[in-house]
Amino acid sequence: MFSCERCGSCCKAIKCHLLVNGNICLIYSSRPELCNIDKSYQKIKDRMSREKWHQLNKDCCKILQERKI
């Protein structure tokens, strides 16, 4: 399972209107597949390992955090 830090950086990058004060997603438990790393993995699982997919997402998250988006 992907360990999300819930920093809100990815949501801020796409200007998601469901992110409220305190980096809280209003629909986190029922968020769309695009916002769910583990569910979205199902679409690419034949192209890379789950570990690689998680690492790519962690790397992107780090970049967004450093840019303070």
N, C-alpha and C. Protein backbone atom coordinates (compact mmCIF):
# COMPACT_ATOMS: atom_id res chain seq x y z
N MET A 1 0.84 -1.18 0.00
CA MET A 1 0.00 0.00 0.00
C MET A 1 0.89 1.24 0.00
N PHE A 2 0.53 2.22 -0.83
CA PHE A 2 1.29 3.46 -0.92
C PHE A 2 1.10 4.28 0.34
N SER A 3 2.18 4.80 0.86
CA SER A 3 2.13 5.59 2.08
C SER A 3 2.12 7.08 1.74
N CYS A 4 0.94 7.65 1.66
CA CYS A 4 0.78 9.06 1.34
C CYS A 4 1.04 9.91 2.58
N GLU A 5 1.82 10.97 2.41
CA GLU A 5 2.10 11.87 3.53
C GLU A 5 0.97 12.87 3.77
N ARG A 6 0.05 12.90 2.85
CA ARG A 6 -1.10 13.83 2.90
C ARG A 6 -0.63 15.28 3.07
N CYS A 7 0.41 15.62 2.31
CA CYS A 7 0.93 16.98 2.35
C CYS A 7 0.11 17.93 1.49
N GLY A 8 -0.65 17.38 0.55
CA GLY A 8 -1.50 18.19 -0.31
C GLY A 8 -0.79 18.74 -1.54
N SER A 9 0.48 18.46 -1.71
CA SER A 9 1.24 19.02 -2.83
C SER A 9 0.67 18.62 -4.19
N CYS A 10 0.31 17.36 -4.35
CA CYS A 10 -0.22 16.92 -5.65
C CYS A 10 -1.59 17.55 -5.90
N CYS A 11 -2.40 17.67 -4.87
CA CYS A 11 -3.71 18.29 -5.01
C CYS A 11 -3.59 19.78 -5.35
N LYS A 12 -2.63 20.43 -4.72
CA LYS A 12 -2.40 21.84 -5.00
C LYS A 12 -1.88 22.04 -6.42
N ALA A 13 -1.07 21.09 -6.91
CA ALA A 13 -0.50 21.20 -8.25
C ALA A 13 -1.59 21.17 -9.32
N ILE A 14 -2.65 20.42 -9.07
CA ILE A 14 -3.74 20.38 -10.05
C ILE A 14 -4.90 21.30 -9.64
N LYS A 15 -4.65 22.09 -8.59
CA LYS A 15 -5.65 23.05 -8.10
C LYS A 15 -7.00 22.39 -7.80
N CYS A 16 -6.93 21.30 -7.07
CA CYS A 16 -8.14 20.55 -6.72
C CYS A 16 -8.98 21.36 -5.73
N HIS A 17 -10.23 21.53 -6.07
CA HIS A 17 -11.15 22.31 -5.23
C HIS A 17 -11.65 21.51 -4.02
N LEU A 18 -11.29 20.23 -3.95
CA LEU A 18 -11.72 19.41 -2.83
C LEU A 18 -10.73 19.39 -1.68
N LEU A 19 -9.62 20.10 -1.86
CA LEU A 19 -8.61 20.21 -0.80
C LEU A 19 -8.95 21.45 0.03
N VAL A 20 -9.13 21.25 1.31
CA VAL A 20 -9.50 22.37 2.18
C VAL A 20 -8.37 22.66 3.16
N ASN A 21 -8.55 23.67 3.98
CA ASN A 21 -7.54 24.07 4.96
C ASN A 21 -7.00 22.87 5.72
N GLY A 22 -5.70 22.88 5.94
CA GLY A 22 -5.06 21.79 6.64
C GLY A 22 -4.75 20.61 5.75
N ASN A 23 -4.78 20.83 4.44
CA ASN A 23 -4.49 19.78 3.45
C ASN A 23 -5.41 18.57 3.61
N ILE A 24 -6.66 18.83 3.87
CA ILE A 24 -7.63 17.75 4.05
C ILE A 24 -8.47 17.62 2.78
N CYS A 25 -8.49 16.40 2.25
CA CYS A 25 -9.30 16.10 1.07
C CYS A 25 -10.72 15.78 1.54
N LEU A 26 -11.67 16.47 0.97
CA LEU A 26 -13.06 16.26 1.39
C LEU A 26 -13.59 14.88 1.01
N ILE A 27 -12.98 14.23 0.03
CA ILE A 27 -13.47 12.92 -0.41
C ILE A 27 -12.37 11.85 -0.36
N TYR A 28 -11.41 11.98 0.54
CA TYR A 28 -10.26 11.08 0.54
C TYR A 28 -10.66 9.60 0.52
N SER A 29 -11.61 9.20 1.32
CA SER A 29 -11.97 7.78 1.39
C SER A 29 -12.65 7.29 0.12
N SER A 30 -13.20 8.19 -0.68
CA SER A 30 -13.86 7.78 -1.94
C SER A 30 -13.28 8.56 -3.13
N ARG A 31 -12.00 8.95 -3.02
CA ARG A 31 -11.35 9.73 -4.07
C ARG A 31 -11.30 8.97 -5.39
N PRO A 32 -11.21 9.69 -6.50
CA PRO A 32 -11.16 9.02 -7.79
C PRO A 32 -9.88 8.19 -7.97
N GLU A 33 -9.94 7.29 -8.93
CA GLU A 33 -8.81 6.40 -9.21
C GLU A 33 -7.53 7.20 -9.48
N LEU A 34 -7.63 8.29 -10.19
CA LEU A 34 -6.48 9.13 -10.50
C LEU A 34 -5.75 9.58 -9.24
N CYS A 35 -6.46 9.79 -8.17
CA CYS A 35 -5.89 10.27 -6.91
C CYS A 35 -5.46 9.13 -5.98
N ASN A 36 -5.68 7.92 -6.39
CA ASN A 36 -5.37 6.76 -5.56
C ASN A 36 -4.24 5.97 -6.22
N ILE A 37 -3.04 6.08 -5.67
CA ILE A 37 -1.86 5.46 -6.26
C ILE A 37 -2.03 3.95 -6.42
N ASP A 38 -2.57 3.29 -5.42
CA ASP A 38 -2.72 1.84 -5.50
C ASP A 38 -3.77 1.42 -6.54
N LYS A 39 -4.88 2.13 -6.61
CA LYS A 39 -5.89 1.79 -7.62
C LYS A 39 -5.40 2.13 -9.02
N SER A 40 -4.71 3.23 -9.18
CA SER A 40 -4.23 3.61 -10.51
C SER A 40 -3.14 2.66 -11.00
N TYR A 41 -2.47 1.98 -10.09
CA TYR A 41 -1.45 1.00 -10.48
C TYR A 41 -2.05 -0.11 -11.34
N GLN A 42 -3.29 -0.43 -11.12
CA GLN A 42 -3.93 -1.51 -11.87
C GLN A 42 -3.88 -1.28 -13.38
N LYS A 43 -3.85 -0.02 -13.79
CA LYS A 43 -3.81 0.29 -15.22
C LYS A 43 -2.44 0.11 -15.85
N ILE A 44 -1.39 0.08 -15.05
CA ILE A 44 -0.03 -0.02 -15.60
C ILE A 44 0.74 -1.23 -15.05
N LYS A 45 0.07 -2.08 -14.34
CA LYS A 45 0.75 -3.19 -13.65
C LYS A 45 1.51 -4.13 -14.58
N ASP A 46 1.16 -4.17 -15.85
CA ASP A 46 1.88 -5.03 -16.77
C ASP A 46 3.15 -4.37 -17.31
N ARG A 47 3.36 -3.09 -16.94
CA ARG A 47 4.52 -2.35 -17.44
C ARG A 47 5.60 -2.11 -16.40
N MET A 48 5.26 -2.21 -15.10
CA MET A 48 6.26 -2.02 -14.06
C MET A 48 5.79 -2.61 -12.74
N SER A 49 6.74 -2.81 -11.86
CA SER A 49 6.40 -3.38 -10.55
C SER A 49 5.70 -2.34 -9.68
N ARG A 50 4.98 -2.83 -8.70
CA ARG A 50 4.31 -1.93 -7.75
C ARG A 50 5.35 -1.08 -7.01
N GLU A 51 6.48 -1.69 -6.66
CA GLU A 51 7.53 -0.96 -5.95
C GLU A 51 8.05 0.21 -6.79
N LYS A 52 8.26 -0.03 -8.08
CA LYS A 52 8.74 1.02 -8.99
C LYS A 52 7.69 2.13 -9.11
N TRP A 53 6.41 1.75 -9.22
CA TRP A 53 5.31 2.71 -9.32
C TRP A 53 5.25 3.58 -8.05
N HIS A 54 5.38 2.95 -6.90
CA HIS A 54 5.38 3.70 -5.65
C HIS A 54 6.57 4.65 -5.59
N GLN A 55 7.73 4.19 -6.01
CA GLN A 55 8.93 5.03 -5.97
C GLN A 55 8.79 6.23 -6.92
N LEU A 56 8.25 6.02 -8.09
CA LEU A 56 8.04 7.13 -9.03
C LEU A 56 7.11 8.18 -8.42
N ASN A 57 6.07 7.72 -7.77
CA ASN A 57 5.14 8.65 -7.14
C ASN A 57 5.77 9.37 -5.96
N LYS A 58 6.59 8.68 -5.18
CA LYS A 58 7.30 9.33 -4.07
C LYS A 58 8.27 10.38 -4.60
N ASP A 59 8.94 10.06 -5.71
CA ASP A 59 9.88 11.02 -6.32
C ASP A 59 9.15 12.27 -6.80
N CYS A 60 8.00 12.07 -7.44
CA CYS A 60 7.20 13.22 -7.91
C CYS A 60 6.71 14.05 -6.73
N CYS A 61 6.29 13.38 -5.68
CA CYS A 61 5.82 14.07 -4.48
C CYS A 61 6.94 14.94 -3.91
N LYS A 62 8.13 14.39 -3.83
CA LYS A 62 9.27 15.14 -3.29
C LYS A 62 9.54 16.40 -4.12
N ILE A 63 9.48 16.27 -5.44
CA ILE A 63 9.69 17.43 -6.32
C ILE A 63 8.63 18.50 -6.06
N LEU A 64 7.38 18.09 -5.96
CA LEU A 64 6.30 19.04 -5.69
C LEU A 64 6.47 19.71 -4.33
N GLN A 65 6.89 18.94 -3.33
CA GLN A 65 7.12 19.50 -2.00
C GLN A 65 8.25 20.53 -2.02
N GLU A 66 9.33 20.22 -2.75
CA GLU A 66 10.46 21.13 -2.83
C GLU A 66 10.09 22.43 -3.54
N ARG A 67 9.18 22.34 -4.49
CA ARG A 67 8.73 23.54 -5.22
C ARG A 67 7.70 24.32 -4.43
N LYS A 68 7.26 23.73 -3.32
CA LYS A 68 6.27 24.35 -2.45
C LYS A 68 5.01 24.76 -3.22
N ILE A 69 4.53 23.80 -3.98
CA ILE A 69 3.32 24.04 -4.77
C ILE A 69 2.12 23.98 -3.86
